[in-house]
Amino acid sequence: MSWADSARHTMLFLAAGAAVFSGMAAAVSDGNIESTIDPSVVSIDEQKYLGTPIAKDFVLIDENGHEFTLGEAMGEPLILLFSYYTCDGVCETLNKHLATRLAEMEAASPGREYRALTISFDRNDDLASLKHFVGMLDIPEYLKDRWKVSVLKNGDDIKRLTDSVGVRYFWSYRDRVFVHPNAFIFVTPKGRIARYLHGAAFNARDMELALIDADWEKISNAKRVIDILAAACFSYNFKEGRYTFNYPLVIGVASLLAGILMVVIAFTVTRKRKSRSVEHAQEQIA
């Protein structure tokens, strides 16, 4: 190989090395992670997690510093919401939406049994950030008996809990925010996932119907007949993420009841005619 060829190869090698180095520098200079977000990355596989039992041994801390277990928050239908308390946008909005819908439901259906629980999935959240977040929400006093905002006592439990309910999230270095699903999770009194409602598009009636779904496992007395009828007339639309009136079911049930009524009427009329015929025959014999 000539001196010129050797020099040319050396220059090409140095140029390639410089290109690789500059590419690496560009890749790490903005925080190491590309900011383009695919929403499917944090979507919840509802069909996989619906009906899944949630462990009750997680220890949480509320804004007053009191410890309690997740199991102690159960026993009634539970609305579960995962947030983080340094969020300057959607988490505050969703929790305020929850407060508004709970207030509307309380006004429309006083006495409904439920509890609500917000849990931070950010291991950096502590009692100070929790109290600051609660202060921004301005939760009415009458809701504080039913709704707790909390952090997990052991940060290592966060992933175990979020994994068990299908909640996935990640930190975007460029945007300096957590990317996470905005889902309200409805849990049965025995601790099984009954329903997910997404975003802030649902109304108080949607929330009440989801609580009825969650409470379904303990329907045992007459006052629950209304809940059964409501659950029958409304079905959950996964595509729209909300409850819609179940027209086919209602029409089918109405047709069935109409058919039964016609049979009963026909049977009653036939029986009366037969009774009159017998009476008439007896009169003729007499």
C-alpha atoms as a PDB file:
ATOM      1  CA  MET A   1       0.000   0.000   0.000  1.00  0.00           C
ATOM      2  CA  SER A   2       1.394   3.432  -0.959  1.00  0.00           C
ATOM      3  CA  TRP A   3       1.870   6.299   1.420  1.00  0.00           C
ATOM      4  CA  ALA A   4      -1.028   8.144  -0.264  1.00  0.00           C
ATOM      5  CA  ASP A   5      -3.358   5.159   0.183  1.00  0.00           C
ATOM      6  CA  SER A   6      -2.403   4.864   3.860  1.00  0.00           C
ATOM      7  CA  ALA A   7      -3.039   8.543   4.430  1.00  0.00           C
ATOM      8  CA  ARG A   8      -6.383   8.307   2.667  1.00  0.00           C
ATOM      9  CA  HIS A   9      -7.468   5.320   4.836  1.00  0.00           C
ATOM     10  CA  THR A  10      -6.379   7.116   7.984  1.00  0.00           C
ATOM     11  CA  MET A  11      -8.401  10.191   7.078  1.00  0.00           C
ATOM     12  CA  LEU A  12     -11.472   8.085   6.345  1.00  0.00           C
ATOM     13  CA  PHE A  13     -11.123   6.302   9.708  1.00  0.00           C
ATOM     14  CA  LEU A  14     -10.803   9.599  11.592  1.00  0.00           C
ATOM     15  CA  ALA A  15     -13.789  11.043   9.724  1.00  0.00           C
ATOM     16  CA  ALA A  16     -15.910   7.998  10.560  1.00  0.00           C
ATOM     17  CA  GLY A  17     -14.843   8.198  14.187  1.00  0.00           C
ATOM     18  CA  ALA A  18     -15.705  11.872  14.319  1.00  0.00           C
ATOM     19  CA  ALA A  19     -19.155  11.182  12.813  1.00  0.00           C
ATOM     20  CA  VAL A  20     -19.869   8.446  15.376  1.00  0.00           C
ATOM     21  CA  PHE A  21     -18.723  10.649  18.248  1.00  0.00           C
ATOM     22  CA  SER A  22     -20.777  13.609  17.064  1.00  0.00           C
ATOM     23  CA  GLY A  23     -23.831  11.339  16.688  1.00  0.00           C
ATOM     24  CA  MET A  24     -23.396  10.053  20.245  1.00  0.00           C
ATOM     25  CA  ALA A  25     -23.026  13.597  21.532  1.00  0.00           C
ATOM     26  CA  ALA A  26     -26.227  14.648  19.772  1.00  0.00           C
ATOM     27  CA  ALA A  27     -28.043  11.645  21.217  1.00  0.00           C
ATOM     28  CA  VAL A  28     -27.203  12.482  24.830  1.00  0.00           C
ATOM     29  CA  SER A  29     -27.133  16.257  24.773  1.00  0.00           C
ATOM     30  CA  ASP A  30     -30.901  16.706  25.259  1.00  0.00           C
ATOM     31  CA  GLY A  31     -31.483  14.228  28.072  1.00  0.00           C
ATOM     32  CA  ASN A  32     -30.803  10.847  26.453  1.00  0.00           C
ATOM     33  CA  ILE A  33     -34.371  10.082  25.403  1.00  0.00           C
ATOM     34  CA  GLU A  34     -36.339  10.954  22.283  1.00  0.00           C
ATOM     35  CA  SER A  35     -39.441  12.922  23.188  1.00  0.00           C
ATOM     36  CA  THR A  36     -41.810  11.513  20.544  1.00  0.00           C
ATOM     37  CA  ILE A  37     -44.578   9.718  22.454  1.00  0.00           C
ATOM     38  CA  ASP A  38     -46.731   6.838  21.269  1.00  0.00           C
ATOM     39  CA  PRO A  39     -49.878   6.776  23.458  1.00  0.00           C
ATOM     40  CA  SER A  40     -50.123   2.997  23.084  1.00  0.00           C
ATOM     41  CA  VAL A  41     -46.993   2.670  25.221  1.00  0.00           C
ATOM     42  CA  VAL A  42     -49.006   3.527  28.341  1.00  0.00           C
ATOM     43  CA  SER A  43     -52.408   2.188  27.284  1.00  0.00           C
ATOM     44  CA  ILE A  44     -54.068  -0.239  29.690  1.00  0.00           C
ATOM     45  CA  ASP A  45     -54.943  -3.733  28.509  1.00  0.00           C
ATOM     46  CA  GLU A  46     -58.370  -3.662  30.122  1.00  0.00           C
ATOM     47  CA  GLN A  47     -59.418  -7.140  29.064  1.00  0.00           C
ATOM     48  CA  LYS A  48     -56.312  -8.539  30.764  1.00  0.00           C
ATOM     49  CA  TYR A  49     -56.758  -6.740  34.071  1.00  0.00           C
ATOM     50  CA  LEU A  50     -60.533  -6.596  34.570  1.00  0.00           C
ATOM     51  CA  GLY A  51     -61.404  -8.926  37.440  1.00  0.00           C
ATOM     52  CA  THR A  52     -57.815  -9.037  38.709  1.00  0.00           C
ATOM     53  CA  PRO A  53     -57.500  -9.000  42.516  1.00  0.00           C
ATOM     54  CA  ILE A  54     -55.313  -6.272  44.029  1.00  0.00           C
ATOM     55  CA  ALA A  55     -53.056  -7.065  46.988  1.00  0.00           C
ATOM     56  CA  LYS A  56     -54.216  -5.392  50.189  1.00  0.00           C
ATOM     57  CA  ASP A  57     -50.916  -5.240  52.074  1.00  0.00           C
ATOM     58  CA  PHE A  58     -49.608  -1.974  50.588  1.00  0.00           C
ATOM     59  CA  VAL A  59     -48.988   0.615  53.321  1.00  0.00           C
ATOM     60  CA  LEU A  60     -49.925   4.209  52.482  1.00  0.00           C
ATOM     61  CA  ILE A  61     -49.627   7.574  54.218  1.00  0.00           C
ATOM     62  CA  ASP A  62     -52.285  10.284  53.995  1.00  0.00           C
ATOM     63  CA  GLU A  63     -51.870  14.077  54.210  1.00  0.00           C
ATOM     64  CA  ASN A  64     -52.057  13.953  58.012  1.00  0.00           C
ATOM     65  CA  GLY A  65     -49.209  11.458  58.214  1.00  0.00           C
ATOM     66  CA  HIS A  66     -51.510   8.586  59.203  1.00  0.00           C
ATOM     67  CA  GLU A  67     -50.623   5.145  57.907  1.00  0.00           C
ATOM     68  CA  PHE A  68     -53.218   2.761  56.508  1.00  0.00           C
ATOM     69  CA  THR A  69     -53.261  -0.253  54.229  1.00  0.00           C
ATOM     70  CA  LEU A  70     -54.868  -0.486  50.828  1.00  0.00           C
ATOM     71  CA  GLY A  71     -57.087  -3.206  52.250  1.00  0.00           C
ATOM     72  CA  GLU A  72     -58.446  -0.762  54.826  1.00  0.00           C
ATOM     73  CA  ALA A  73     -59.516   1.538  51.980  1.00  0.00           C
ATOM     74  CA  MET A  74     -61.576  -1.306  50.520  1.00  0.00           C
ATOM     75  CA  GLY A  75     -64.738  -2.891  51.891  1.00  0.00           C
ATOM     76  CA  GLU A  76     -66.824  -0.548  49.714  1.00  0.00           C
ATOM     77  CA  PRO A  77     -66.568   0.247  45.994  1.00  0.00           C
ATOM     78  CA  LEU A  78     -63.283   2.121  45.547  1.00  0.00           C
ATOM     79  CA  ILE A  79     -62.277   4.716  42.950  1.00  0.00           C
ATOM     80  CA  LEU A  80     -58.512   4.480  42.489  1.00  0.00           C
ATOM     81  CA  LEU A  81     -56.502   7.189  40.711  1.00  0.00           C
ATOM     82  CA  PHE A  82     -52.720   7.272  40.164  1.00  0.00           C
ATOM     83  CA  SER A  83     -51.097  10.714  39.955  1.00  0.00           C
ATOM     84  CA  TYR A  84     -47.866  12.481  40.859  1.00  0.00           C
ATOM     85  CA  TYR A  85     -47.823  15.590  42.983  1.00  0.00           C
ATOM     86  CA  THR A  86     -45.301  17.781  41.180  1.00  0.00           C
ATOM     87  CA  CYS A  87     -47.380  17.572  38.010  1.00  0.00           C
ATOM     88  CA  ASP A  88     -48.353  21.034  36.780  1.00  0.00           C
ATOM     89  CA  GLY A  89     -51.162  19.959  34.499  1.00  0.00           C
ATOM     90  CA  VAL A  90     -53.286  16.891  33.974  1.00  0.00           C
ATOM     91  CA  CYS A  91     -52.956  15.293  37.445  1.00  0.00           C
ATOM     92  CA  GLU A  92     -54.377  18.331  39.190  1.00  0.00           C
ATOM     93  CA  THR A  93     -57.099  18.591  36.536  1.00  0.00           C
ATOM     94  CA  LEU A  94     -58.127  14.936  36.888  1.00  0.00           C
ATOM     95  CA  ASN A  95     -58.271  15.115  40.674  1.00  0.00           C
ATOM     96  CA  LYS A  96     -60.368  18.289  40.506  1.00  0.00           C
ATOM     97  CA  HIS A  97     -62.612  16.522  37.987  1.00  0.00           C
ATOM     98  CA  LEU A  98     -62.974  13.678  40.474  1.00  0.00           C
ATOM     99  CA  ALA A  99     -63.957  16.160  43.211  1.00  0.00           C
ATOM    100  CA  THR A 100     -66.555  17.763  40.939  1.00  0.00           C
ATOM    101  CA  ARG A 101     -68.096  14.461  39.876  1.00  0.00           C
ATOM    102  CA  LEU A 102     -68.191  13.152  43.440  1.00  0.00           C
ATOM    103  CA  ALA A 103     -69.960  16.328  44.566  1.00  0.00           C
ATOM    104  CA  GLU A 104     -72.504  15.969  41.746  1.00  0.00           C
ATOM    105  CA  MET A 105     -73.084  12.322  42.596  1.00  0.00           C
ATOM    106  CA  GLU A 106     -73.474  13.127  46.296  1.00  0.00           C
ATOM    107  CA  ALA A 107     -76.152  15.677  45.392  1.00  0.00           C
ATOM    108  CA  ALA A 108     -78.002  13.298  43.049  1.00  0.00           C
ATOM    109  CA  SER A 109     -77.611  10.086  45.049  1.00  0.00           C
ATOM    110  CA  PRO A 110     -76.875  10.874  48.697  1.00  0.00           C
ATOM    111  CA  GLY A 111     -75.866   7.895  50.755  1.00  0.00           C
ATOM    112  CA  ARG A 112     -74.205   5.887  47.998  1.00  0.00           C
ATOM    113  CA  GLU A 113     -71.454   3.695  49.415  1.00  0.00           C
ATOM    114  CA  TYR A 114     -68.000   4.322  47.957  1.00  0.00           C
ATOM    115  CA  ARG A 115     -64.475   5.444  48.734  1.00  0.00           C
ATOM    116  CA  ALA A 116     -61.881   7.241  46.620  1.00  0.00           C
ATOM    117  CA  LEU A 117     -58.103   7.035  46.831  1.00  0.00           C
ATOM    118  CA  THR A 118     -55.385   8.934  44.962  1.00  0.00           C
ATOM    119  CA  ILE A 119     -51.904   7.364  45.085  1.00  0.00           C
ATOM    120  CA  SER A 120     -48.648   8.862  43.830  1.00  0.00           C
ATOM    121  CA  PHE A 121     -46.506   6.711  41.541  1.00  0.00           C
ATOM    122  CA  ASP A 122     -43.518   9.081  41.929  1.00  0.00           C
ATOM    123  CA  ARG A 123     -41.105   7.768  44.549  1.00  0.00           C
ATOM    124  CA  ASN A 124     -39.848  11.355  45.026  1.00  0.00           C
ATOM    125  CA  ASP A 125     -43.211  12.478  46.388  1.00  0.00           C
ATOM    126  CA  ASP A 126     -43.281  12.906  50.155  1.00  0.00           C
ATOM    127  CA  LEU A 127     -45.578  14.327  52.801  1.00  0.00           C
ATOM    128  CA  ALA A 128     -44.640  17.899  51.850  1.00  0.00           C
ATOM    129  CA  SER A 129     -45.491  17.510  48.144  1.00  0.00           C
ATOM    130  CA  LEU A 130     -48.625  15.581  49.121  1.00  0.00           C
ATOM    131  CA  LYS A 131     -49.884  18.403  51.341  1.00  0.00           C
ATOM    132  CA  HIS A 132     -49.098  20.992  48.660  1.00  0.00           C
ATOM    133  CA  PHE A 133     -51.043  18.990  46.081  1.00  0.00           C
ATOM    134  CA  VAL A 134     -54.049  18.575  48.383  1.00  0.00           C
ATOM    135  CA  GLY A 135     -53.998  22.322  49.013  1.00  0.00           C
ATOM    136  CA  MET A 136     -54.344  22.969  45.274  1.00  0.00           C
ATOM    137  CA  LEU A 137     -57.335  20.638  45.043  1.00  0.00           C
ATOM    138  CA  ASP A 138     -59.398  22.365  47.731  1.00  0.00           C
ATOM    139  CA  ILE A 139     -61.366  19.206  48.518  1.00  0.00           C
ATOM    140  CA  PRO A 140     -64.680  19.881  50.323  1.00  0.00           C
ATOM    141  CA  GLU A 141     -64.681  18.724  53.935  1.00  0.00           C
ATOM    142  CA  TYR A 142     -67.603  16.348  53.427  1.00  0.00           C
ATOM    143  CA  LEU A 143     -65.620  14.488  50.748  1.00  0.00           C
ATOM    144  CA  LYS A 144     -62.489  14.098  52.884  1.00  0.00           C
ATOM    145  CA  ASP A 145     -64.191  11.366  54.909  1.00  0.00           C
ATOM    146  CA  ARG A 146     -64.480   9.284  51.743  1.00  0.00           C
ATOM    147  CA  TRP A 147     -61.469  10.391  49.705  1.00  0.00           C
ATOM    148  CA  LYS A 148     -57.810  10.139  50.697  1.00  0.00           C
ATOM    149  CA  VAL A 149     -54.769  11.424  48.802  1.00  0.00           C
ATOM    150  CA  SER A 150     -51.693   9.388  49.668  1.00  0.00           C
ATOM    151  CA  VAL A 151     -48.149   8.201  49.029  1.00  0.00           C
ATOM    152  CA  LEU A 152     -46.819   4.689  49.419  1.00  0.00           C
ATOM    153  CA  LYS A 153     -44.695   4.266  52.543  1.00  0.00           C
ATOM    154  CA  ASN A 154     -42.227   2.053  50.696  1.00  0.00           C
ATOM    155  CA  GLY A 155     -41.184   3.438  47.304  1.00  0.00           C
ATOM    156  CA  ASP A 156     -40.231  -0.054  46.170  1.00  0.00           C
ATOM    157  CA  ASP A 157     -43.919  -1.001  46.310  1.00  0.00           C
ATOM    158  CA  ILE A 158     -44.886   1.466  43.575  1.00  0.00           C
ATOM    159  CA  LYS A 159     -44.055  -0.733  40.605  1.00  0.00           C
ATOM    160  CA  ARG A 160     -45.598  -3.820  42.220  1.00  0.00           C
ATOM    161  CA  LEU A 161     -48.868  -1.955  42.713  1.00  0.00           C
ATOM    162  CA  THR A 162     -48.996  -0.189  39.336  1.00  0.00           C
ATOM    163  CA  ASP A 163     -48.065  -3.401  37.509  1.00  0.00           C
ATOM    164  CA  SER A 164     -50.902  -5.233  39.249  1.00  0.00           C
ATOM    165  CA  VAL A 165     -53.513  -2.802  37.868  1.00  0.00           C
ATOM    166  CA  GLY A 166     -52.006  -2.377  34.393  1.00  0.00           C
ATOM    167  CA  VAL A 167     -50.720   1.184  34.886  1.00  0.00           C
ATOM    168  CA  ARG A 168     -47.476   1.872  32.985  1.00  0.00           C
ATOM    169  CA  TYR A 169     -45.594   5.161  32.977  1.00  0.00           C
ATOM    170  CA  PHE A 170     -42.194   6.639  32.145  1.00  0.00           C
ATOM    171  CA  TRP A 171     -40.284   9.855  32.642  1.00  0.00           C
ATOM    172  CA  SER A 172     -39.716  12.049  29.592  1.00  0.00           C
ATOM    173  CA  TYR A 173     -36.349  13.718  30.120  1.00  0.00           C
ATOM    174  CA  ARG A 174     -36.866  16.316  27.404  1.00  0.00           C
ATOM    175  CA  ASP A 175     -40.353  17.361  28.549  1.00  0.00           C
ATOM    176  CA  ARG A 176     -39.599  16.870  32.255  1.00  0.00           C
ATOM    177  CA  VAL A 177     -42.910  15.123  32.873  1.00  0.00           C
ATOM    178  CA  PHE A 178     -44.228  11.648  33.562  1.00  0.00           C
ATOM    179  CA  VAL A 179     -46.134  10.078  30.684  1.00  0.00           C
ATOM    180  CA  HIS A 180     -48.895   7.957  32.187  1.00  0.00           C
ATOM    181  CA  PRO A 181     -52.499   6.813  31.587  1.00  0.00           C
ATOM    182  CA  ASN A 182     -55.258   9.059  32.901  1.00  0.00           C
ATOM    183  CA  ALA A 183     -57.490   6.299  34.180  1.00  0.00           C
ATOM    184  CA  PHE A 184     -59.939   6.054  37.053  1.00  0.00           C
ATOM    185  CA  ILE A 185     -59.947   2.464  38.295  1.00  0.00           C
ATOM    186  CA  PHE A 186     -63.080   1.135  39.992  1.00  0.00           C
ATOM    187  CA  VAL A 187     -62.420  -1.651  42.483  1.00  0.00           C
ATOM    188  CA  THR A 188     -64.948  -3.992  44.083  1.00  0.00           C
ATOM    189  CA  PRO A 189     -65.313  -4.221  47.878  1.00  0.00           C
ATOM    190  CA  LYS A 190     -63.381  -7.492  47.737  1.00  0.00           C
ATOM    191  CA  GLY A 191     -60.519  -5.851  45.862  1.00  0.00           C
ATOM    192  CA  ARG A 192     -61.029  -6.816  42.219  1.00  0.00           C
ATOM    193  CA  ILE A 193     -60.810  -4.421  39.276  1.00  0.00           C
ATOM    194  CA  ALA A 194     -64.324  -3.781  37.973  1.00  0.00           C
ATOM    195  CA  ARG A 195     -63.992  -0.893  35.511  1.00  0.00           C
ATOM    196  CA  TYR A 196     -61.705   1.729  33.985  1.00  0.00           C
ATOM    197  CA  LEU A 197     -62.922   5.198  33.021  1.00  0.00           C
ATOM    198  CA  HIS A 198     -60.447   7.309  31.074  1.00  0.00           C
ATOM    199  CA  GLY A 199     -59.784  11.039  31.045  1.00  0.00           C
ATOM    200  CA  ALA A 200     -62.312  13.639  32.132  1.00  0.00           C
ATOM    201  CA  ALA A 201     -65.039  12.991  29.552  1.00  0.00           C
ATOM    202  CA  PHE A 202     -67.329  11.019  31.856  1.00  0.00           C
ATOM    203  CA  ASN A 203     -70.105  12.541  33.951  1.00  0.00           C
ATOM    204  CA  ALA A 204     -71.469  11.850  37.415  1.00  0.00           C
ATOM    205  CA  ARG A 205     -73.909   9.264  36.047  1.00  0.00           C
ATOM    206  CA  ASP A 206     -71.060   7.359  34.373  1.00  0.00           C
ATOM    207  CA  MET A 207     -69.242   7.346  37.695  1.00  0.00           C
ATOM    208  CA  GLU A 208     -72.287   6.126  39.574  1.00  0.00           C
ATOM    209  CA  LEU A 209     -72.851   3.308  37.086  1.00  0.00           C
ATOM    210  CA  ALA A 210     -69.210   2.264  37.389  1.00  0.00           C
ATOM    211  CA  LEU A 211     -69.626   2.178  41.162  1.00  0.00           C
ATOM    212  CA  ILE A 212     -72.702  -0.004  40.659  1.00  0.00           C
ATOM    213  CA  ASP A 213     -70.543  -2.378  38.613  1.00  0.00           C
ATOM    214  CA  ALA A 214     -67.979  -2.429  41.401  1.00  0.00           C
ATOM    215  CA  ASP A 215     -70.644  -3.006  44.023  1.00  0.00           C
ATOM    216  CA  TRP A 216     -72.313  -5.803  42.035  1.00  0.00           C
ATOM    217  CA  GLU A 217     -70.717  -8.547  44.070  1.00  0.00           C
ATOM    218  CA  LYS A 218     -72.570  -7.510  47.249  1.00  0.00           C
ATOM    219  CA  ILE A 219     -76.080  -6.825  45.936  1.00  0.00           C
ATOM    220  CA  SER A 220     -78.286  -8.516  48.496  1.00  0.00           C
ATOM    221  CA  ASN A 221     -81.289  -6.410  49.444  1.00  0.00           C
ATOM    222  CA  ALA A 222     -84.318  -4.713  47.903  1.00  0.00           C
ATOM    223  CA  LYS A 223     -82.809  -1.273  47.513  1.00  0.00           C
ATOM    224  CA  ARG A 224     -80.357  -2.748  45.013  1.00  0.00           C
ATOM    225  CA  VAL A 225     -83.164  -3.469  42.499  1.00  0.00           C
ATOM    226  CA  ILE A 226     -82.731   0.063  41.151  1.00  0.00           C
ATOM    227  CA  ASP A 227     -79.021  -0.605  40.676  1.00  0.00           C
ATOM    228  CA  ILE A 228     -79.760  -3.830  38.811  1.00  0.00           C
ATOM    229  CA  LEU A 229     -82.134  -2.025  36.435  1.00  0.00           C
ATOM    230  CA  ALA A 230     -79.647   0.806  35.909  1.00  0.00           C
ATOM    231  CA  ALA A 231     -76.823  -1.614  35.188  1.00  0.00           C
ATOM    232  CA  ALA A 232     -79.049  -3.460  32.721  1.00  0.00           C
ATOM    233  CA  CYS A 233     -80.100  -0.320  30.872  1.00  0.00           C
ATOM    234  CA  PHE A 234     -76.584   1.056  30.513  1.00  0.00           C
ATOM    235  CA  SER A 235     -73.604  -0.806  29.087  1.00  0.00           C
ATOM    236  CA  TYR A 236     -69.961   0.233  28.962  1.00  0.00           C
ATOM    237  CA  ASN A 237     -68.707   1.306  25.533  1.00  0.00           C
ATOM    238  CA  PHE A 238     -64.964   0.538  25.391  1.00  0.00           C
ATOM    239  CA  LYS A 239     -64.494   2.523  22.177  1.00  0.00           C
ATOM    240  CA  GLU A 240     -66.010   5.710  23.615  1.00  0.00           C
ATOM    241  CA  GLY A 241     -64.722   5.125  27.143  1.00  0.00           C
ATOM    242  CA  ARG A 242     -68.114   5.792  28.730  1.00  0.00           C
ATOM    243  CA  TYR A 243     -71.497   4.250  29.507  1.00  0.00           C
ATOM    244  CA  THR A 244     -74.160   4.346  26.812  1.00  0.00           C
ATOM    245  CA  PHE A 245     -77.830   3.469  26.924  1.00  0.00           C
ATOM    246  CA  ASN A 246     -78.297  -0.184  26.025  1.00  0.00           C
ATOM    247  CA  TYR A 247     -81.084   0.206  23.450  1.00  0.00           C
ATOM    248  CA  PRO A 248     -80.948  -3.371  22.049  1.00  0.00           C
ATOM    249  CA  LEU A 249     -81.162  -4.871  25.531  1.00  0.00           C
ATOM    250  CA  VAL A 250     -83.998  -2.590  26.632  1.00  0.00           C
ATOM    251  CA  ILE A 251     -85.964  -3.250  23.411  1.00  0.00           C
ATOM    252  CA  GLY A 252     -85.376  -6.986  23.785  1.00  0.00           C
ATOM    253  CA  VAL A 253     -86.470  -7.009  27.427  1.00  0.00           C
ATOM    254  CA  ALA A 254     -89.517  -4.866  26.597  1.00  0.00           C
ATOM    255  CA  SER A 255     -90.487  -7.259  23.790  1.00  0.00           C
ATOM    256  CA  LEU A 256     -90.047 -10.222  26.094  1.00  0.00           C
ATOM    257  CA  LEU A 257     -92.188  -8.646  28.805  1.00  0.00           C
ATOM    258  CA  ALA A 258     -94.832  -7.699  26.246  1.00  0.00           C
ATOM    259  CA  GLY A 259     -94.907 -11.301  25.001  1.00  0.00           C
ATOM    260  CA  ILE A 260     -95.234 -12.648  28.536  1.00  0.00           C
ATOM    261  CA  LEU A 261     -98.018 -10.157  29.255  1.00  0.00           C
ATOM    262  CA  MET A 262     -99.910 -11.241  26.131  1.00  0.00           C
ATOM    263  CA  VAL A 263     -99.598 -14.898  27.142  1.00  0.00           C
ATOM    264  CA  VAL A 264    -100.874 -14.106  30.642  1.00  0.00           C
ATOM    265  CA  ILE A 265    -103.807 -12.108  29.237  1.00  0.00           C
ATOM    266  CA  ALA A 266    -104.687 -14.868  26.752  1.00  0.00           C
ATOM    267  CA  PHE A 267    -104.471 -17.498  29.498  1.00  0.00           C
ATOM    268  CA  THR A 268    -106.688 -15.430  31.805  1.00  0.00           C
ATOM    269  CA  VAL A 269    -109.305 -14.778  29.094  1.00  0.00           C
ATOM    270  CA  THR A 270    -109.356 -18.464  28.079  1.00  0.00           C
ATOM    271  CA  ARG A 271    -109.721 -19.542  31.683  1.00  0.00           C
ATOM    272  CA  LYS A 272    -112.607 -17.146  32.278  1.00  0.00           C
ATOM    273  CA  ARG A 273    -114.362 -18.337  29.102  1.00  0.00           C
ATOM    274  CA  LYS A 274    -113.926 -21.946  30.144  1.00  0.00           C
ATOM    275  CA  SER A 275    -115.264 -21.173  33.614  1.00  0.00           C
ATOM    276  CA  ARG A 276    -118.297 -19.453  32.129  1.00  0.00           C
ATOM    277  CA  SER A 277    -118.909 -22.400  29.793  1.00  0.00           C
ATOM    278  CA  VAL A 278    -118.836 -24.828  32.717  1.00  0.00           C
ATOM    279  CA  GLU A 279    -121.203 -22.616  34.690  1.00  0.00           C
ATOM    280  CA  HIS A 280    -123.553 -22.367  31.697  1.00  0.00           C
ATOM    281  CA  ALA A 281    -123.522 -26.139  31.197  1.00  0.00           C
ATOM    282  CA  GLN A 282    -124.348 -26.718  34.848  1.00  0.00           C
ATOM    283  CA  GLU A 283    -127.244 -24.286  34.589  1.00  0.00           C
ATOM    284  CA  GLN A 284    -128.602 -26.152  31.570  1.00  0.00           C
ATOM    285  CA  ILE A 285    -128.445 -29.469  33.430  1.00  0.00           C
ATOM    286  CA  ALA A 286    -130.186 -27.966  36.431  1.00  0.00           C
END
